[in-house]
Amino acid sequence: MKKILIIGATSAIAEATAQSFAKEGARLFLIARNTERLATQATDLGIRGALSVDYALLDVNDRSNHQQALQRAIETLGEIDVVLIAHGTLGNQTDCEKDSETALLELETNAVSTIALLTKLANIFEKQHHGTIAVISSVAGDRGRPSNYVYGTAKAAVTTFCEGLQARMFKSGVHVLIIKPGLVATPMTEALSMPALLVADPNLIAADIVRAIDKKTDVLYTPWYWKYIMAGIIHIPTALFKKFNL
């Protein structure tokens, strides 16, 4: 029986992943900022087979409340087998370019809050000497592109932080999984114009995440083909790359 903590639990990918864990009979603790959605989700996961589902409210940008929320999860679950950090926003790049405060808020939500939570969680897992810390980053962090470089900057910071964390936590027997989704059909992306052939269903992403946790994968590109798409984008010469509107 796995004991699972999910932060940003009401996001589409997190919700689909929680459903996969529920079918395995896991104990779940959900953290998000919407009481109604958490309550509805908890009921649904119980029906799907979760042994227990508890939850707590948290605005991840309120770092003063991080410890309290994590402590509630630990008191409820005991030791944590898996934590999935899945919160985030996809802000408007043009708005970020016009206003530094908007840009900084995106960095706060998508990078600073994640790093703050990871710092606390790493110390918890280090004492356990087991478990998995899974973090949703993005292919957007692999190279800065004009269409989303503020969001990409945040995700690049998360990826780099987690790369260092992997090496640190390996010595304590803790697995760190960096998850890099490509285009996913979620409420966060529904306003975007995206090539239909490259857009994945959240359930596919969730299945990949659960599999990667079980296999102790270090970096997961999901769907798989994004590993090759991004390899191509990374190696475009700068003189040519800056002429593209990617």
Protein backbone atom coordinates (compact mmCIF):
# COMPACT_ATOMS: atom_id res chain seq x y z
CA MET A 1 0.00 0.00 0.00
CA LYS A 2 1.57 3.23 -1.18
CA LYS A 3 1.25 6.46 0.76
CA ILE A 4 1.03 9.29 -1.76
CA LEU A 5 1.20 13.07 -1.28
CA ILE A 6 0.13 15.19 -4.26
CA ILE A 7 0.69 18.96 -4.27
CA GLY A 8 -1.32 20.81 -6.88
CA ALA A 9 -3.74 17.90 -6.76
CA THR A 10 -6.54 19.54 -8.75
CA SER A 11 -4.45 20.04 -11.89
CA ALA A 12 -5.44 17.77 -14.78
CA ILE A 13 -2.25 15.69 -14.77
CA ALA A 14 -2.24 15.35 -10.98
CA GLU A 15 -5.89 14.32 -10.95
CA ALA A 16 -5.32 11.63 -13.57
CA THR A 17 -2.25 10.38 -11.69
CA ALA A 18 -4.18 10.26 -8.42
CA GLN A 19 -6.83 8.14 -10.14
CA SER A 20 -4.15 5.66 -11.21
CA PHE A 21 -2.85 5.42 -7.65
CA ALA A 22 -6.40 5.05 -6.32
CA LYS A 23 -6.93 1.97 -8.49
CA GLU A 24 -3.89 0.43 -6.74
CA GLY A 25 -5.53 0.97 -3.35
CA ALA A 26 -3.15 3.72 -2.24
CA ARG A 27 -3.60 6.11 0.67
CA LEU A 28 -3.70 9.65 -0.71
CA PHE A 29 -3.18 13.09 0.76
CA LEU A 30 -4.09 15.95 -1.58
CA ILE A 31 -2.95 19.56 -1.35
CA ALA A 32 -4.44 22.37 -3.45
CA ARG A 33 -6.20 25.70 -2.96
CA ASN A 34 -9.83 24.90 -3.90
CA THR A 35 -11.88 23.29 -1.13
CA GLU A 36 -14.83 22.26 -3.30
CA ARG A 37 -12.69 20.60 -5.94
CA LEU A 38 -10.63 18.79 -3.31
CA ALA A 39 -13.75 17.46 -1.60
CA THR A 40 -15.23 16.27 -4.91
CA GLN A 41 -11.93 14.71 -5.92
CA ALA A 42 -11.57 12.92 -2.58
CA THR A 43 -15.01 11.34 -2.97
CA ASP A 44 -14.24 10.26 -6.53
CA LEU A 45 -10.89 8.71 -5.58
CA GLY A 46 -12.55 6.76 -2.77
CA ILE A 47 -15.00 5.31 -5.26
CA ARG A 48 -12.10 4.40 -7.56
CA GLY A 49 -10.46 2.31 -4.85
CA ALA A 50 -8.24 4.54 -2.71
CA LEU A 51 -7.87 3.14 0.79
CA SER A 52 -8.13 6.66 2.24
CA VAL A 53 -8.16 10.21 0.90
CA ASP A 54 -7.40 13.26 3.03
CA TYR A 55 -6.62 16.81 1.95
CA ALA A 56 -5.44 20.25 3.02
CA LEU A 57 -5.67 23.74 1.57
CA LEU A 58 -2.54 25.59 0.47
CA ASP A 59 -1.72 28.54 -1.76
CA VAL A 60 1.80 27.50 -2.79
CA ASN A 61 2.89 31.14 -3.03
CA ASP A 62 2.22 31.54 0.69
CA ARG A 63 5.48 29.95 1.77
CA SER A 64 4.77 30.62 5.44
CA ASN A 65 2.15 27.85 5.31
CA HIS A 66 4.27 25.21 3.54
CA GLN A 67 5.48 23.56 6.73
CA GLN A 68 2.01 23.35 8.23
CA ALA A 69 0.54 21.67 5.15
CA LEU A 70 3.40 19.18 4.90
CA GLN A 71 3.16 18.41 8.60
CA ARG A 72 -0.54 17.59 8.26
CA ALA A 73 0.30 15.17 5.45
CA ILE A 74 2.98 13.46 7.53
CA GLU A 75 0.72 13.21 10.58
CA THR A 76 -1.96 11.62 8.41
CA LEU A 77 0.15 9.28 6.28
CA GLY A 78 3.13 8.67 8.51
CA GLU A 79 6.05 8.19 6.13
CA ILE A 80 5.48 9.27 2.51
CA ASP A 81 6.31 6.79 -0.25
CA VAL A 82 5.74 9.19 -3.16
CA VAL A 83 5.26 12.93 -3.43
CA LEU A 84 4.16 14.44 -6.73
CA ILE A 85 4.58 18.20 -7.14
CA ALA A 86 2.23 19.21 -9.91
CA HIS A 87 1.11 22.80 -9.36
CA GLY A 88 1.76 25.62 -11.80
CA THR A 89 0.35 28.26 -14.10
CA LEU A 90 0.89 29.04 -17.76
CA GLY A 91 0.93 32.81 -17.79
CA ASN A 92 0.59 35.04 -20.81
CA GLN A 93 4.05 35.69 -22.25
CA THR A 94 3.06 39.10 -23.68
CA ASP A 95 1.72 40.24 -20.30
CA CYS A 96 4.96 39.12 -18.66
CA GLU A 97 6.97 41.13 -21.19
CA LYS A 98 5.00 44.27 -20.41
CA ASP A 99 5.07 44.08 -16.61
CA SER A 100 7.90 42.85 -14.42
CA GLU A 101 5.58 42.08 -11.48
CA THR A 102 3.55 39.75 -13.69
CA ALA A 103 6.72 38.03 -14.81
CA LEU A 104 7.97 37.68 -11.24
CA LEU A 105 4.64 36.20 -10.11
CA GLU A 106 4.98 33.52 -12.80
CA LEU A 107 8.49 32.74 -11.57
CA GLU A 108 7.24 32.65 -7.98
CA THR A 109 4.45 30.19 -8.78
CA ASN A 110 6.32 27.94 -11.18
CA ALA A 111 9.81 27.95 -9.69
CA VAL A 112 10.29 29.58 -6.29
CA SER A 113 7.35 27.86 -4.58
CA THR A 114 8.41 24.50 -6.01
CA ILE A 115 12.01 24.93 -4.87
CA ALA A 116 10.82 25.96 -1.41
CA LEU A 117 8.63 22.86 -1.11
CA LEU A 118 11.38 20.62 -2.46
CA THR A 119 13.84 21.93 0.10
CA LYS A 120 11.52 20.93 2.95
CA LEU A 121 10.55 17.62 1.36
CA ALA A 122 14.16 16.67 0.65
CA ASN A 123 15.00 16.96 4.35
CA ILE A 124 11.98 14.80 5.23
CA PHE A 125 12.86 12.10 2.68
CA GLU A 126 16.53 12.18 3.58
CA LYS A 127 15.63 11.06 7.10
CA GLN A 128 13.37 8.29 5.74
CA HIS A 129 16.08 6.87 3.45
CA HIS A 130 13.46 5.77 0.91
CA GLY A 131 10.70 7.06 -1.36
CA THR A 132 10.24 9.04 -4.56
CA ILE A 133 10.08 12.79 -5.13
CA ALA A 134 8.42 13.37 -8.52
CA VAL A 135 8.31 16.90 -9.94
CA ILE A 136 6.51 18.15 -13.02
CA SER A 137 8.83 20.42 -14.97
CA SER A 138 8.34 20.92 -18.73
CA VAL A 139 9.98 20.60 -22.11
CA ALA A 140 9.68 24.41 -22.13
CA GLY A 141 12.69 24.51 -19.81
CA ASP A 142 15.01 22.84 -22.32
CA ARG A 143 15.53 26.00 -24.37
CA GLY A 144 14.26 29.55 -24.09
CA ARG A 145 11.78 30.27 -26.87
CA PRO A 146 10.11 33.62 -27.64
CA SER A 147 6.60 32.19 -27.20
CA ASN A 148 7.04 31.22 -23.53
CA TYR A 149 10.49 32.10 -22.20
CA VAL A 150 9.24 33.33 -18.80
CA TYR A 151 7.48 30.02 -18.14
CA GLY A 152 10.46 28.21 -19.66
CA THR A 153 12.84 30.03 -17.33
CA ALA A 154 10.87 28.84 -14.31
CA LYS A 155 10.85 25.26 -15.53
CA ALA A 156 14.56 25.37 -16.37
CA ALA A 157 15.24 26.45 -12.78
CA VAL A 158 13.14 23.56 -11.46
CA THR A 159 14.93 21.07 -13.71
CA THR A 160 18.39 22.28 -12.71
CA PHE A 161 17.46 22.23 -9.03
CA CYS A 162 16.14 18.68 -9.36
CA GLU A 163 19.26 17.51 -11.19
CA GLY A 164 21.33 18.53 -8.19
CA LEU A 165 18.74 17.08 -5.84
CA GLN A 166 18.92 13.73 -7.65
CA ALA A 167 22.62 13.39 -6.90
CA ARG A 168 22.15 14.47 -3.29
CA MET A 169 19.18 12.20 -2.57
CA PHE A 170 20.65 9.15 -4.34
CA LYS A 171 23.10 8.86 -1.48
CA SER A 172 20.13 8.49 0.91
CA GLY A 173 18.28 5.93 -1.19
CA VAL A 174 15.67 8.44 -2.40
CA HIS A 175 14.57 8.56 -6.04
CA VAL A 176 14.01 11.95 -7.71
CA LEU A 177 12.00 11.93 -10.95
CA ILE A 178 12.01 14.95 -13.29
CA ILE A 179 8.87 14.92 -15.46
CA LYS A 180 8.90 16.88 -18.72
CA PRO A 181 5.50 16.85 -20.42
CA GLY A 182 5.02 18.29 -23.87
CA LEU A 183 1.66 19.64 -25.02
CA VAL A 184 -1.17 18.28 -22.87
CA ALA A 185 -4.93 18.84 -23.18
CA THR A 186 -5.67 20.60 -19.88
CA PRO A 187 -7.69 23.65 -18.80
CA MET A 188 -4.35 25.50 -18.59
CA THR A 189 -3.70 25.01 -22.32
CA GLU A 190 -7.23 25.10 -23.75
CA ALA A 191 -6.89 28.70 -24.98
CA LEU A 192 -3.71 27.92 -26.92
CA SER A 193 -3.52 27.05 -30.58
CA MET A 194 -1.72 23.70 -30.56
CA PRO A 195 -1.03 21.08 -33.26
CA ALA A 196 -3.57 18.34 -32.58
CA LEU A 197 -1.16 15.51 -33.41
CA LEU A 198 1.20 16.56 -30.60
CA VAL A 199 -1.41 17.11 -27.87
CA ALA A 200 -1.62 14.30 -25.32
CA ASP A 201 -4.41 13.23 -22.99
CA PRO A 202 -3.67 13.68 -19.25
CA ASN A 203 -4.39 9.98 -18.67
CA LEU A 204 -1.52 9.03 -20.96
CA ILE A 205 0.80 11.37 -19.04
CA ALA A 206 -0.40 9.89 -15.74
CA ALA A 207 0.30 6.34 -16.91
CA ASP A 208 3.82 7.37 -17.92
CA ILE A 209 4.40 9.02 -14.53
CA VAL A 210 3.28 5.98 -12.54
CA ARG A 211 5.44 3.72 -14.71
CA ALA A 212 8.47 6.01 -14.33
CA ILE A 213 8.07 6.05 -10.54
CA ASP A 214 7.96 2.25 -10.45
CA LYS A 215 11.00 1.96 -12.74
CA LYS A 216 12.93 4.69 -10.90
CA THR A 217 13.43 6.67 -14.09
CA ASP A 218 15.53 9.83 -13.70
CA VAL A 219 14.03 12.01 -16.46
CA LEU A 220 10.71 11.36 -18.16
CA TYR A 221 9.78 13.03 -21.44
CA THR A 222 6.09 12.40 -21.94
CA PRO A 223 4.82 11.48 -24.44
CA TRP A 224 8.12 9.81 -25.41
CA TYR A 225 8.55 11.63 -28.73
CA TRP A 226 9.20 14.97 -26.99
CA LYS A 227 12.67 13.74 -26.10
CA TYR A 228 13.53 13.78 -29.80
CA ILE A 229 11.60 16.96 -30.62
CA MET A 230 13.49 18.86 -27.93
CA ALA A 231 16.82 17.34 -28.94
CA GLY A 232 16.26 18.86 -32.37
CA ILE A 233 15.23 22.25 -30.95
CA ILE A 234 18.20 22.36 -28.56
CA HIS A 235 20.68 21.83 -31.39
CA ILE A 236 19.35 24.46 -33.80
CA PRO A 237 22.19 27.02 -34.18
CA THR A 238 21.45 30.28 -32.40
CA ALA A 239 21.88 32.36 -35.56
CA LEU A 240 19.06 30.36 -37.15
CA PHE A 241 17.01 29.77 -34.02
CA LYS A 242 16.37 33.46 -33.33
CA LYS A 243 14.72 33.82 -36.73
CA PHE A 244 12.05 31.27 -35.79
CA ASN A 245 8.85 32.08 -33.93
CA LEU A 246 8.78 28.99 -31.74
